[in-house]
């Protein structure tokens, strides 16, 4: 069974919550799903995983894998890996990520990999998140928001996937912007412009319990298209 890389049209589009919801749903379907966030950044937590995002993903998938496999590299400032490197002198490392992904793939039937920022977030001067997806050899799921401007960002994300020859499983709309497009109109336009499946839309989620995520994702996403 294949794995997926959940990327976004930008930072803060809800990749973590979408990945967590997918994890809960797949687990409830009887799939042994693992999670991975190759790069994480921000203020480290005092307990548990350094990254709150990694904590959320691990809880959703109910895994006990080591932190160094799930999150090989953490930067203690909110910045891209490249910027963190320049500011902190901590060089991003690609090899441990690819090795960790292979190890996790042997432990689980499927791995959900959550990216950082958008697809062209810089890791090294000439290496981007898109390069990482390509090196992992997995298809992308694109998380887009509903705010005006998202069509431009989504088209650019899709075009970069095409440039890097990254297969796209589909687009998930995270509908948490109250002043954004109507989801049915946005879905219509993205399908027409890109010819890529829109797998569904997720409303704003304030209850991250398994029961809540399962109910929302089961109702709102086309899992048959995702898994075919």
N, C-alpha and C. Protein backbone atom coordinates (compact mmCIF):
# COMPACT_ATOMS: atom_id res chain seq x y z
N UNK A 1 0.85 -1.19 0.00
CA UNK A 1 0.00 0.00 0.00
C UNK A 1 0.89 1.24 0.00
N UNK A 2 0.56 2.22 -0.83
CA UNK A 2 1.41 3.39 -0.99
C UNK A 2 1.30 4.39 0.14
N UNK A 3 2.30 5.26 0.23
CA UNK A 3 2.30 6.34 1.21
C UNK A 3 1.98 7.65 0.51
N UNK A 4 1.76 8.70 1.29
CA UNK A 4 1.43 10.01 0.74
C UNK A 4 2.25 11.10 1.42
N UNK A 5 2.55 12.14 0.64
CA UNK A 5 3.19 13.32 1.19
C UNK A 5 2.15 14.44 1.18
N UNK A 6 1.78 14.93 2.36
CA UNK A 6 0.79 15.99 2.47
C UNK A 6 1.52 17.33 2.45
N UNK A 7 1.35 18.04 1.35
CA UNK A 7 1.97 19.34 1.21
C UNK A 7 0.87 20.39 1.14
N UNK A 8 1.28 21.66 1.11
CA UNK A 8 0.28 22.72 1.12
C UNK A 8 0.62 23.82 0.14
N UNK A 9 -0.35 24.68 -0.09
CA UNK A 9 -0.13 25.83 -0.97
C UNK A 9 0.65 26.92 -0.26
N UNK A 10 0.80 26.79 1.06
CA UNK A 10 1.51 27.80 1.86
C UNK A 10 1.65 27.24 3.27
N UNK A 11 2.24 28.02 4.15
CA UNK A 11 2.27 27.63 5.55
C UNK A 11 0.93 27.97 6.19
N UNK A 12 0.62 27.29 7.29
CA UNK A 12 -0.63 27.54 8.04
C UNK A 12 -1.89 27.33 7.21
N UNK A 13 -1.87 26.34 6.32
CA UNK A 13 -3.10 26.01 5.59
C UNK A 13 -3.82 24.82 6.22
N UNK A 14 -3.24 24.27 7.30
CA UNK A 14 -3.91 23.18 8.00
C UNK A 14 -3.40 21.79 7.65
N UNK A 15 -2.15 21.69 7.21
CA UNK A 15 -1.60 20.38 6.83
C UNK A 15 -1.61 19.40 8.00
N UNK A 16 -1.26 19.90 9.18
CA UNK A 16 -1.18 19.00 10.34
C UNK A 16 -2.54 18.41 10.67
N UNK A 17 -3.57 19.25 10.66
CA UNK A 17 -4.91 18.76 11.01
C UNK A 17 -5.46 17.83 9.94
N UNK A 18 -5.17 18.12 8.69
CA UNK A 18 -5.59 17.23 7.62
C UNK A 18 -4.86 15.90 7.73
N UNK A 19 -3.56 15.94 7.97
CA UNK A 19 -2.79 14.71 8.12
C UNK A 19 -3.27 13.89 9.31
N UNK A 20 -3.58 14.57 10.42
CA UNK A 20 -4.10 13.87 11.60
C UNK A 20 -5.44 13.22 11.29
N UNK A 21 -6.31 13.94 10.60
CA UNK A 21 -7.61 13.39 10.24
C UNK A 21 -7.48 12.18 9.32
N UNK A 22 -6.58 12.27 8.37
CA UNK A 22 -6.34 11.13 7.48
C UNK A 22 -5.82 9.94 8.29
N UNK A 23 -4.94 10.23 9.24
CA UNK A 23 -4.40 9.16 10.07
C UNK A 23 -5.47 8.44 10.86
N UNK A 24 -6.36 9.19 11.49
CA UNK A 24 -7.45 8.60 12.26
C UNK A 24 -8.36 7.77 11.35
N UNK A 25 -8.72 8.34 10.21
CA UNK A 25 -9.63 7.65 9.30
C UNK A 25 -9.02 6.36 8.77
N UNK A 26 -7.78 6.41 8.35
CA UNK A 26 -7.13 5.21 7.82
C UNK A 26 -6.97 4.15 8.89
N UNK A 27 -6.64 4.59 10.10
CA UNK A 27 -6.51 3.63 11.21
C UNK A 27 -7.85 2.96 11.50
N UNK A 28 -8.93 3.74 11.45
CA UNK A 28 -10.26 3.18 11.69
C UNK A 28 -10.67 2.22 10.57
N UNK A 29 -10.05 2.37 9.40
CA UNK A 29 -10.32 1.46 8.28
C UNK A 29 -9.49 0.19 8.38
N UNK A 30 -8.69 0.07 9.44
CA UNK A 30 -7.90 -1.13 9.64
C UNK A 30 -6.53 -1.09 8.99
N UNK A 31 -6.09 0.09 8.57
CA UNK A 31 -4.78 0.24 7.94
C UNK A 31 -3.76 0.63 8.99
N UNK A 32 -2.64 -0.06 9.00
CA UNK A 32 -1.55 0.25 9.91
C UNK A 32 -0.82 1.46 9.34
N UNK A 33 -1.13 2.63 9.85
CA UNK A 33 -0.58 3.87 9.29
C UNK A 33 0.45 4.48 10.24
N UNK A 34 1.57 4.88 9.66
CA UNK A 34 2.59 5.61 10.40
C UNK A 34 2.61 7.05 9.95
N UNK A 35 3.30 7.89 10.70
CA UNK A 35 3.36 9.31 10.37
C UNK A 35 4.81 9.79 10.40
N UNK A 36 5.05 10.87 9.67
CA UNK A 36 6.39 11.44 9.65
C UNK A 36 6.30 12.92 9.33
N UNK A 37 7.08 13.71 10.02
CA UNK A 37 7.25 15.12 9.70
C UNK A 37 8.75 15.37 9.63
N UNK A 38 9.32 15.29 8.43
CA UNK A 38 10.78 15.34 8.29
C UNK A 38 11.43 16.54 8.95
N UNK A 39 10.84 17.72 8.73
CA UNK A 39 11.34 18.94 9.36
C UNK A 39 10.22 19.57 10.17
N UNK A 40 10.54 20.00 11.37
CA UNK A 40 9.60 20.75 12.19
C UNK A 40 10.34 21.93 12.79
N UNK A 41 9.60 22.98 13.09
CA UNK A 41 10.24 24.18 13.63
C UNK A 41 9.27 24.91 14.56
N UNK A 42 9.85 25.71 15.43
CA UNK A 42 9.03 26.49 16.36
C UNK A 42 9.58 26.40 17.78
N UNK A 43 8.78 26.86 18.71
CA UNK A 43 9.18 26.79 20.12
C UNK A 43 9.04 25.36 20.62
N UNK A 44 10.09 24.73 21.13
CA UNK A 44 9.99 23.34 21.58
C UNK A 44 9.08 23.19 22.79
N UNK A 45 8.33 22.09 22.80
CA UNK A 45 7.49 21.79 23.94
C UNK A 45 8.35 21.33 25.12
N UNK A 46 7.84 21.53 26.30
CA UNK A 46 8.59 21.14 27.49
C UNK A 46 8.46 19.65 27.77
N UNK A 47 7.36 19.04 27.32
CA UNK A 47 7.14 17.62 27.53
C UNK A 47 6.81 16.95 26.21
N UNK A 48 7.11 15.64 26.13
CA UNK A 48 6.78 14.90 24.93
C UNK A 48 7.68 15.29 23.76
N UNK A 49 7.13 15.21 22.56
CA UNK A 49 7.88 15.59 21.38
C UNK A 49 8.20 17.08 21.39
N UNK A 50 9.31 17.43 20.80
CA UNK A 50 9.66 18.85 20.71
C UNK A 50 8.59 19.64 19.95
N UNK A 51 8.08 19.03 18.88
CA UNK A 51 7.11 19.71 18.02
C UNK A 51 5.67 19.33 18.39
N UNK A 52 4.84 20.34 18.56
CA UNK A 52 3.41 20.09 18.83
C UNK A 52 2.77 19.37 17.66
N UNK A 53 3.18 19.73 16.43
CA UNK A 53 2.63 19.06 15.25
C UNK A 53 2.90 17.57 15.29
N UNK A 54 4.13 17.20 15.65
CA UNK A 54 4.49 15.79 15.72
C UNK A 54 3.69 15.08 16.81
N UNK A 55 3.44 15.78 17.90
CA UNK A 55 2.61 15.23 18.98
C UNK A 55 1.21 14.92 18.48
N UNK A 56 0.63 15.84 17.71
CA UNK A 56 -0.71 15.67 17.15
C UNK A 56 -0.75 14.49 16.19
N UNK A 57 0.24 14.40 15.31
CA UNK A 57 0.26 13.32 14.32
C UNK A 57 0.42 11.96 14.98
N UNK A 58 1.32 11.87 15.95
CA UNK A 58 1.56 10.59 16.62
C UNK A 58 0.32 10.12 17.38
N UNK A 59 -0.37 11.05 18.01
CA UNK A 59 -1.58 10.71 18.74
C UNK A 59 -2.67 10.24 17.79
N UNK A 60 -2.78 10.89 16.64
CA UNK A 60 -3.81 10.53 15.67
C UNK A 60 -3.59 9.13 15.12
N UNK A 61 -2.34 8.81 14.83
CA UNK A 61 -2.02 7.49 14.28
C UNK A 61 -1.83 6.43 15.36
N UNK A 62 -1.74 6.87 16.61
CA UNK A 62 -1.51 5.97 17.75
C UNK A 62 -0.26 5.11 17.54
N UNK A 63 0.85 5.80 17.25
CA UNK A 63 2.12 5.11 17.06
C UNK A 63 3.06 5.40 18.22
N UNK A 64 4.01 4.50 18.39
CA UNK A 64 5.03 4.66 19.43
C UNK A 64 6.42 4.67 18.83
N UNK A 65 6.52 5.12 17.60
CA UNK A 65 7.81 5.16 16.92
C UNK A 65 8.70 6.24 17.53
N UNK A 66 10.02 6.05 17.50
CA UNK A 66 10.95 7.03 18.09
C UNK A 66 10.84 8.39 17.43
N UNK A 67 11.07 9.42 18.22
CA UNK A 67 10.99 10.79 17.71
C UNK A 67 11.98 11.01 16.57
N UNK A 68 13.15 10.40 16.64
CA UNK A 68 14.15 10.66 15.60
C UNK A 68 13.77 10.04 14.26
N UNK A 69 12.80 9.12 14.25
CA UNK A 69 12.27 8.60 12.99
C UNK A 69 11.11 9.44 12.49
N UNK A 70 10.21 9.79 13.41
CA UNK A 70 9.05 10.58 13.01
C UNK A 70 9.45 12.00 12.63
N UNK A 71 10.35 12.58 13.38
CA UNK A 71 10.81 13.95 13.12
C UNK A 71 12.33 14.00 13.21
N UNK A 72 13.02 13.67 12.11
CA UNK A 72 14.48 13.61 12.14
C UNK A 72 15.17 14.93 12.48
N UNK A 73 14.53 16.06 12.15
CA UNK A 73 15.21 17.33 12.42
C UNK A 73 14.21 18.40 12.89
N UNK A 74 14.55 18.99 14.03
CA UNK A 74 13.72 20.05 14.61
C UNK A 74 14.56 21.31 14.75
N UNK A 75 13.99 22.44 14.35
CA UNK A 75 14.65 23.74 14.48
C UNK A 75 13.89 24.59 15.50
N UNK A 76 14.56 25.09 16.52
CA UNK A 76 13.85 25.79 17.60
C UNK A 76 13.49 27.25 17.29
N UNK A 77 13.26 27.56 16.02
CA UNK A 77 12.72 28.86 15.63
C UNK A 77 11.71 28.63 14.51
N UNK A 78 10.69 29.48 14.40
CA UNK A 78 9.72 29.32 13.32
C UNK A 78 10.28 29.85 12.00
N UNK A 79 10.86 28.95 11.23
CA UNK A 79 11.51 29.36 9.99
C UNK A 79 11.67 28.14 9.08
N UNK A 80 11.95 28.41 7.81
CA UNK A 80 12.24 27.33 6.88
C UNK A 80 13.55 26.66 7.29
N UNK A 81 13.78 25.42 6.86
CA UNK A 81 15.06 24.78 7.17
C UNK A 81 16.26 25.61 6.70
N UNK A 82 16.13 26.23 5.53
CA UNK A 82 17.23 27.03 5.01
C UNK A 82 17.53 28.24 5.90
N UNK A 83 16.47 28.95 6.29
CA UNK A 83 16.64 30.12 7.16
C UNK A 83 17.16 29.71 8.53
N UNK A 84 16.65 28.59 9.05
CA UNK A 84 17.14 28.09 10.34
C UNK A 84 18.62 27.75 10.26
N UNK A 85 19.03 27.18 9.14
CA UNK A 85 20.45 26.88 8.92
C UNK A 85 21.29 28.14 8.98
N UNK A 86 20.84 29.17 8.28
CA UNK A 86 21.61 30.40 8.24
C UNK A 86 21.63 31.11 9.60
N UNK A 87 20.53 31.03 10.33
CA UNK A 87 20.45 31.72 11.62
C UNK A 87 21.09 30.94 12.77
N UNK A 88 20.93 29.62 12.75
CA UNK A 88 21.37 28.80 13.88
C UNK A 88 22.61 27.97 13.59
N UNK A 89 23.03 27.98 12.33
CA UNK A 89 24.19 27.17 11.91
C UNK A 89 23.93 25.68 12.10
N UNK A 90 22.67 25.28 11.95
CA UNK A 90 22.30 23.86 12.00
C UNK A 90 21.91 23.45 10.58
N UNK A 91 22.77 22.73 9.91
CA UNK A 91 22.52 22.40 8.51
C UNK A 91 21.46 21.31 8.37
N UNK A 92 20.46 21.52 7.53
CA UNK A 92 19.47 20.47 7.27
C UNK A 92 20.14 19.23 6.67
N UNK A 93 19.66 18.06 7.11
CA UNK A 93 20.23 16.80 6.65
C UNK A 93 19.16 15.97 5.96
N UNK A 94 19.44 15.58 4.73
CA UNK A 94 18.47 14.84 3.93
C UNK A 94 18.57 13.34 4.17
N UNK A 95 19.78 12.83 4.29
CA UNK A 95 20.00 11.38 4.39
C UNK A 95 19.23 10.73 5.56
N UNK A 96 19.25 11.31 6.78
CA UNK A 96 18.50 10.69 7.89
C UNK A 96 16.99 10.64 7.62
N UNK A 97 16.50 11.59 6.85
CA UNK A 97 15.06 11.60 6.53
C UNK A 97 14.71 10.44 5.62
N UNK A 98 15.50 10.26 4.57
CA UNK A 98 15.22 9.17 3.63
C UNK A 98 15.43 7.81 4.30
N UNK A 99 16.44 7.71 5.15
CA UNK A 99 16.66 6.47 5.89
C UNK A 99 15.51 6.20 6.87
N UNK A 100 15.08 7.25 7.57
CA UNK A 100 13.97 7.11 8.50
C UNK A 100 12.68 6.72 7.81
N UNK A 101 12.46 7.29 6.64
CA UNK A 101 11.25 6.95 5.87
C UNK A 101 11.25 5.47 5.48
N UNK A 102 12.39 4.97 5.06
CA UNK A 102 12.48 3.56 4.70
C UNK A 102 12.22 2.66 5.91
N UNK A 103 12.76 3.05 7.07
CA UNK A 103 12.54 2.26 8.29
C UNK A 103 11.08 2.27 8.70
N UNK A 104 10.46 3.44 8.66
CA UNK A 104 9.04 3.54 9.01
C UNK A 104 8.17 2.75 8.04
N UNK A 105 8.57 2.75 6.77
CA UNK A 105 7.80 2.03 5.75
C UNK A 105 7.81 0.52 6.00
N UNK A 106 8.85 0.03 6.67
CA UNK A 106 8.90 -1.39 7.01
C UNK A 106 8.08 -1.70 8.26
N UNK A 107 7.81 -0.68 9.06
CA UNK A 107 7.06 -0.88 10.31
C UNK A 107 5.55 -0.74 10.11
N UNK A 108 5.15 -0.03 9.06
CA UNK A 108 3.74 0.26 8.83
C UNK A 108 3.35 0.00 7.38
N UNK A 109 2.06 -0.17 7.15
CA UNK A 109 1.55 -0.40 5.79
C UNK A 109 1.62 0.87 4.95
N UNK A 110 1.46 2.00 5.59
CA UNK A 110 1.39 3.27 4.89
C UNK A 110 1.97 4.36 5.78
N UNK A 111 2.66 5.33 5.17
CA UNK A 111 3.19 6.46 5.92
C UNK A 111 2.58 7.75 5.38
N UNK A 112 2.09 8.58 6.29
CA UNK A 112 1.63 9.92 5.94
C UNK A 112 2.75 10.88 6.32
N UNK A 113 3.32 11.52 5.32
CA UNK A 113 4.43 12.44 5.54
C UNK A 113 3.91 13.86 5.41
N UNK A 114 4.07 14.64 6.46
CA UNK A 114 3.64 16.04 6.40
C UNK A 114 4.83 16.94 6.11
N UNK A 115 4.69 17.78 5.12
CA UNK A 115 5.75 18.70 4.76
C UNK A 115 5.80 19.92 5.65
N UNK A 116 6.67 20.84 5.29
CA UNK A 116 6.80 22.12 6.01
C UNK A 116 6.54 23.24 5.02
N UNK A 117 5.60 24.12 5.36
CA UNK A 117 5.30 25.24 4.47
C UNK A 117 4.75 24.76 3.15
N UNK A 118 5.12 25.45 2.07
CA UNK A 118 4.69 25.07 0.73
C UNK A 118 5.71 24.19 0.05
N UNK A 119 5.41 23.82 -1.18
CA UNK A 119 6.24 22.86 -1.88
C UNK A 119 7.62 23.40 -2.25
N UNK A 120 7.74 24.73 -2.34
CA UNK A 120 9.05 25.31 -2.66
C UNK A 120 9.73 25.91 -1.44
N UNK A 121 9.34 25.48 -0.26
CA UNK A 121 10.07 25.88 0.94
C UNK A 121 11.51 25.40 0.82
N UNK A 122 12.49 26.30 0.99
CA UNK A 122 13.89 25.91 0.80
C UNK A 122 14.45 25.11 1.97
N UNK A 123 15.14 24.05 1.64
CA UNK A 123 15.84 23.24 2.63
C UNK A 123 17.33 23.59 2.58
N UNK A 124 17.90 23.46 1.41
CA UNK A 124 19.25 23.92 1.13
C UNK A 124 19.16 24.94 -0.02
N UNK A 125 20.27 25.50 -0.43
CA UNK A 125 20.22 26.53 -1.47
C UNK A 125 19.62 26.00 -2.76
N UNK A 126 19.90 24.75 -3.08
CA UNK A 126 19.41 24.16 -4.31
C UNK A 126 18.58 22.90 -4.06
N UNK A 127 17.93 22.85 -2.90
CA UNK A 127 17.11 21.69 -2.54
C UNK A 127 15.87 22.18 -1.80
N UNK A 128 14.69 21.78 -2.31
CA UNK A 128 13.43 22.28 -1.78
C UNK A 128 12.56 21.10 -1.33
N UNK A 129 11.45 21.41 -0.69
CA UNK A 129 10.52 20.35 -0.27
C UNK A 129 10.12 19.50 -1.46
N UNK A 130 9.98 20.12 -2.62
CA UNK A 130 9.66 19.35 -3.83
C UNK A 130 10.71 18.29 -4.13
N UNK A 131 11.98 18.63 -3.92
CA UNK A 131 13.05 17.65 -4.12
C UNK A 131 12.91 16.48 -3.15
N UNK A 132 12.53 16.79 -1.91
CA UNK A 132 12.36 15.75 -0.90
C UNK A 132 11.23 14.80 -1.29
N UNK A 133 10.12 15.36 -1.75
CA UNK A 133 8.99 14.51 -2.17
C UNK A 133 9.44 13.59 -3.31
N UNK A 134 10.14 14.16 -4.27
CA UNK A 134 10.61 13.37 -5.40
C UNK A 134 11.57 12.27 -4.95
N UNK A 135 12.49 12.60 -4.02
CA UNK A 135 13.43 11.61 -3.53
C UNK A 135 12.73 10.50 -2.75
N UNK A 136 11.64 10.82 -2.07
CA UNK A 136 10.89 9.80 -1.34
C UNK A 136 10.10 8.90 -2.29
N UNK A 137 9.78 9.43 -3.46
CA UNK A 137 9.08 8.62 -4.45
C UNK A 137 7.63 8.37 -4.13
N UNK A 138 6.97 9.34 -3.48
CA UNK A 138 5.56 9.19 -3.11
C UNK A 138 4.71 10.29 -3.75
N UNK A 139 3.43 10.03 -3.97
CA UNK A 139 2.56 11.06 -4.53
C UNK A 139 2.19 12.10 -3.49
N UNK A 140 1.77 13.26 -3.97
CA UNK A 140 1.41 14.36 -3.08
C UNK A 140 -0.10 14.50 -2.95
N UNK A 141 -0.51 14.91 -1.76
CA UNK A 141 -1.86 15.40 -1.52
C UNK A 141 -1.70 16.87 -1.16
N UNK A 142 -2.39 17.73 -1.89
CA UNK A 142 -2.22 19.17 -1.71
C UNK A 142 -3.35 19.73 -0.84
N UNK A 143 -2.99 20.41 0.24
CA UNK A 143 -3.97 21.09 1.09
C UNK A 143 -4.02 22.55 0.68
N UNK A 144 -5.21 22.99 0.31
CA UNK A 144 -5.43 24.38 -0.09
C UNK A 144 -6.46 25.01 0.82
N UNK A 145 -6.35 26.30 1.03
CA UNK A 145 -7.36 26.99 1.83
C UNK A 145 -8.43 27.55 0.90
N UNK A 146 -9.49 28.12 1.48
CA UNK A 146 -10.59 28.65 0.66
C UNK A 146 -10.51 30.17 0.49
N UNK A 147 -9.54 30.80 1.12
CA UNK A 147 -9.42 32.25 1.05
C UNK A 147 -9.14 32.72 -0.38
N UNK A 148 -9.65 33.89 -0.73
CA UNK A 148 -9.39 34.46 -2.05
C UNK A 148 -7.88 34.56 -2.26
N UNK A 149 -7.42 34.11 -3.41
CA UNK A 149 -5.98 34.00 -3.69
C UNK A 149 -5.54 32.56 -3.77
N UNK A 150 -6.39 31.65 -3.27
CA UNK A 150 -6.01 30.24 -3.21
C UNK A 150 -5.90 29.61 -4.58
N UNK A 151 -6.67 30.11 -5.56
CA UNK A 151 -6.59 29.52 -6.90
C UNK A 151 -5.20 29.74 -7.48
N UNK A 152 -4.70 30.96 -7.34
CA UNK A 152 -3.34 31.26 -7.79
C UNK A 152 -2.32 30.36 -7.10
N UNK A 153 -2.40 30.24 -5.79
CA UNK A 153 -1.43 29.45 -5.03
C UNK A 153 -1.53 27.96 -5.37
N UNK A 154 -2.76 27.49 -5.59
CA UNK A 154 -2.95 26.08 -5.90
C UNK A 154 -2.43 25.74 -7.29
N UNK A 155 -2.69 26.62 -8.25
CA UNK A 155 -2.17 26.40 -9.60
C UNK A 155 -0.65 26.36 -9.58
N UNK A 156 -0.01 27.29 -8.87
CA UNK A 156 1.44 27.31 -8.81
C UNK A 156 1.98 26.03 -8.16
N UNK A 157 1.32 25.56 -7.11
CA UNK A 157 1.74 24.34 -6.43
C UNK A 157 1.65 23.14 -7.37
N UNK A 158 0.54 23.04 -8.08
CA UNK A 158 0.35 21.94 -9.03
C UNK A 158 1.40 22.00 -10.15
N UNK A 159 1.64 23.20 -10.66
CA UNK A 159 2.62 23.34 -11.75
C UNK A 159 4.03 22.94 -11.29
N UNK A 160 4.38 23.25 -10.05
CA UNK A 160 5.69 22.85 -9.54
C UNK A 160 5.75 21.34 -9.35
N UNK A 161 4.65 20.72 -8.93
CA UNK A 161 4.62 19.26 -8.84
C UNK A 161 4.87 18.66 -10.22
N UNK A 162 4.24 19.24 -11.22
CA UNK A 162 4.43 18.75 -12.59
C UNK A 162 5.88 18.93 -13.03
N UNK A 163 6.47 20.06 -12.68
CA UNK A 163 7.86 20.33 -13.05
C UNK A 163 8.81 19.31 -12.43
N UNK A 164 8.52 18.94 -11.18
CA UNK A 164 9.37 17.96 -10.48
C UNK A 164 8.91 16.52 -10.71
N UNK A 165 7.90 16.36 -11.56
CA UNK A 165 7.36 15.03 -11.89
C UNK A 165 6.86 14.29 -10.64
N UNK A 166 6.13 15.02 -9.80
CA UNK A 166 5.53 14.46 -8.60
C UNK A 166 4.06 14.15 -8.88
N UNK A 167 3.64 12.89 -8.80
CA UNK A 167 2.23 12.56 -9.00
C UNK A 167 1.36 13.22 -7.92
N UNK A 168 0.16 13.62 -8.28
CA UNK A 168 -0.76 14.26 -7.34
C UNK A 168 -2.00 13.39 -7.19
N UNK A 169 -2.28 12.99 -5.95
CA UNK A 169 -3.48 12.19 -5.69
C UNK A 169 -4.74 13.04 -5.66
N UNK A 170 -4.60 14.29 -5.27
CA UNK A 170 -5.77 15.15 -5.23
C UNK A 170 -5.56 16.34 -4.32
N UNK A 171 -6.57 17.18 -4.27
CA UNK A 171 -6.55 18.41 -3.48
C UNK A 171 -7.59 18.31 -2.38
N UNK A 172 -7.22 18.73 -1.18
CA UNK A 172 -8.17 18.82 -0.06
C UNK A 172 -8.30 20.30 0.31
N UNK A 173 -9.51 20.80 0.31
CA UNK A 173 -9.76 22.19 0.66
C UNK A 173 -10.00 22.29 2.16
N UNK A 174 -9.20 23.11 2.82
CA UNK A 174 -9.39 23.36 4.24
C UNK A 174 -10.20 24.65 4.37
N UNK A 175 -11.48 24.49 4.63
CA UNK A 175 -12.41 25.61 4.58
C UNK A 175 -12.55 26.28 5.95
N UNK A 176 -11.48 26.94 6.39
CA UNK A 176 -11.52 27.60 7.69
C UNK A 176 -11.55 29.12 7.57
N UNK A 177 -11.61 29.65 6.36
CA UNK A 177 -11.67 31.10 6.15
C UNK A 177 -13.12 31.52 5.94
N UNK A 178 -13.67 32.25 6.87
CA UNK A 178 -15.08 32.64 6.79
C UNK A 178 -15.36 33.60 5.65
N UNK A 179 -14.32 34.29 5.17
CA UNK A 179 -14.51 35.26 4.10
C UNK A 179 -13.95 34.76 2.77
N UNK A 180 -13.81 33.45 2.63
CA UNK A 180 -13.23 32.87 1.43
C UNK A 180 -14.26 32.52 0.38
N UNK A 181 -13.82 31.75 -0.62
CA UNK A 181 -14.71 31.28 -1.67
C UNK A 181 -15.73 30.30 -1.10
N UNK A 182 -16.87 30.18 -1.77
CA UNK A 182 -17.78 29.09 -1.47
C UNK A 182 -17.13 27.81 -1.98
N UNK A 183 -17.18 26.77 -1.16
CA UNK A 183 -16.43 25.55 -1.47
C UNK A 183 -16.88 24.93 -2.79
N UNK A 184 -18.17 24.92 -3.06
CA UNK A 184 -18.64 24.29 -4.29
C UNK A 184 -18.12 25.04 -5.52
N UNK A 185 -18.04 26.37 -5.43
CA UNK A 185 -17.52 27.16 -6.55
C UNK A 185 -16.01 26.96 -6.70
N UNK A 186 -15.29 26.92 -5.58
CA UNK A 186 -13.85 26.70 -5.63
C UNK A 186 -13.54 25.31 -6.18
N UNK A 187 -14.29 24.32 -5.74
CA UNK A 187 -14.12 22.96 -6.25
C UNK A 187 -14.33 22.91 -7.75
N UNK A 188 -15.39 23.54 -8.20
CA UNK A 188 -15.69 23.59 -9.64
C UNK A 188 -14.53 24.19 -10.43
N UNK A 189 -14.02 25.32 -9.95
CA UNK A 189 -12.98 26.04 -10.68
C UNK A 189 -11.65 25.29 -10.67
N UNK A 190 -11.28 24.71 -9.53
CA UNK A 190 -10.02 23.96 -9.46
C UNK A 190 -10.06 22.74 -10.36
N UNK A 191 -11.18 22.03 -10.37
CA UNK A 191 -11.31 20.86 -11.25
C UNK A 191 -11.21 21.28 -12.71
N UNK A 192 -11.88 22.37 -13.05
CA UNK A 192 -11.90 22.84 -14.43
C UNK A 192 -10.51 23.31 -14.88
N UNK A 193 -9.83 24.04 -14.02
CA UNK A 193 -8.54 24.62 -14.37
C UNK A 193 -7.40 23.60 -14.37
N UNK A 194 -7.48 22.62 -13.47
CA UNK A 194 -6.34 21.74 -13.25
C UNK A 194 -6.57 20.29 -13.69
N UNK A 195 -7.83 19.86 -13.76
CA UNK A 195 -8.10 18.48 -14.12
C UNK A 195 -7.62 17.49 -13.09
N UNK A 196 -7.54 17.92 -11.84
CA UNK A 196 -7.07 17.09 -10.73
C UNK A 196 -8.23 16.89 -9.75
N UNK A 197 -8.39 15.70 -9.21
CA UNK A 197 -9.51 15.47 -8.28
C UNK A 197 -9.44 16.38 -7.04
N UNK A 198 -10.57 16.94 -6.68
CA UNK A 198 -10.71 17.60 -5.39
C UNK A 198 -11.35 16.56 -4.47
N UNK A 199 -10.60 16.08 -3.51
CA UNK A 199 -11.02 14.94 -2.69
C UNK A 199 -12.10 15.31 -1.68
N UNK A 200 -12.28 16.60 -1.44
CA UNK A 200 -13.29 17.05 -0.50
C UNK A 200 -12.85 18.30 0.22
N UNK A 201 -13.65 18.71 1.18
CA UNK A 201 -13.34 19.90 1.97
C UNK A 201 -13.55 19.60 3.44
N UNK A 202 -12.73 20.23 4.26
CA UNK A 202 -12.78 20.05 5.71
C UNK A 202 -13.15 21.38 6.35
N UNK A 203 -14.15 21.40 7.23
CA UNK A 203 -14.50 22.64 7.91
C UNK A 203 -13.53 22.95 9.04
N UNK A 204 -13.67 24.09 9.65
CA UNK A 204 -12.86 24.41 10.83
C UNK A 204 -13.11 23.36 11.91
N UNK A 205 -12.04 22.83 12.49
CA UNK A 205 -12.15 21.77 13.49
C UNK A 205 -11.63 22.26 14.83
N UNK A 206 -12.47 22.25 15.84
CA UNK A 206 -12.00 22.62 17.18
C UNK A 206 -11.95 21.42 18.12
N UNK A 207 -12.50 20.28 17.67
CA UNK A 207 -12.48 19.05 18.46
C UNK A 207 -11.62 18.04 17.72
N UNK A 208 -10.43 17.77 18.25
CA UNK A 208 -9.49 16.87 17.58
C UNK A 208 -9.56 15.44 18.13
N UNK A 209 -10.65 15.10 18.77
CA UNK A 209 -10.81 13.74 19.27
C UNK A 209 -10.95 12.79 18.08
N UNK A 210 -10.62 11.51 18.33
CA UNK A 210 -10.74 10.52 17.27
C UNK A 210 -12.15 10.48 16.69
N UNK A 211 -13.14 10.51 17.57
CA UNK A 211 -14.52 10.42 17.11
C UNK A 211 -14.89 11.59 16.21
N UNK A 212 -14.47 12.79 16.59
CA UNK A 212 -14.77 13.97 15.80
C UNK A 212 -14.08 13.92 14.44
N UNK A 213 -12.77 13.65 14.43
CA UNK A 213 -12.03 13.60 13.17
C UNK A 213 -12.57 12.51 12.26
N UNK A 214 -12.86 11.35 12.83
CA UNK A 214 -13.38 10.25 12.03
C UNK A 214 -14.70 10.62 11.37
N UNK A 215 -15.59 11.21 12.13
CA UNK A 215 -16.90 11.57 11.59
C UNK A 215 -16.78 12.60 10.46
N UNK A 216 -15.93 13.61 10.67
CA UNK A 216 -15.78 14.67 9.67
C UNK A 216 -15.12 14.14 8.40
N UNK A 217 -14.03 13.42 8.55
CA UNK A 217 -13.29 12.96 7.37
C UNK A 217 -14.05 11.88 6.61
N UNK A 218 -14.78 11.03 7.32
CA UNK A 218 -15.58 10.01 6.64
C UNK A 218 -16.67 10.65 5.80
N UNK A 219 -17.25 11.72 6.30
CA UNK A 219 -18.35 12.39 5.60
C UNK A 219 -17.86 13.28 4.48
N UNK A 220 -16.71 13.92 4.66
CA UNK A 220 -16.31 15.02 3.77
C UNK A 220 -15.26 14.67 2.72
N UNK A 221 -14.60 13.49 2.83
CA UNK A 221 -13.53 13.17 1.88
C UNK A 221 -13.84 11.91 1.08
N UNK A 222 -13.35 11.90 -0.15
CA UNK A 222 -13.50 10.76 -1.06
C UNK A 222 -12.30 9.84 -0.89
N UNK A 223 -12.41 8.90 0.03
CA UNK A 223 -11.29 8.00 0.32
C UNK A 223 -11.09 6.96 -0.78
N UNK A 224 -12.13 6.64 -1.53
CA UNK A 224 -11.96 5.70 -2.62
C UNK A 224 -11.01 6.24 -3.68
N UNK A 225 -11.15 7.52 -3.99
CA UNK A 225 -10.26 8.14 -4.97
C UNK A 225 -8.85 8.26 -4.40
N UNK A 226 -8.73 8.54 -3.12
CA UNK A 226 -7.42 8.69 -2.49
C UNK A 226 -6.65 7.39 -2.51
N UNK A 227 -7.32 6.28 -2.27
CA UNK A 227 -6.66 5.00 -2.09
C UNK A 227 -6.60 4.14 -3.35
N UNK A 228 -7.22 4.57 -4.41
CA UNK A 228 -7.23 3.71 -5.61
C UNK A 228 -5.86 3.71 -6.30
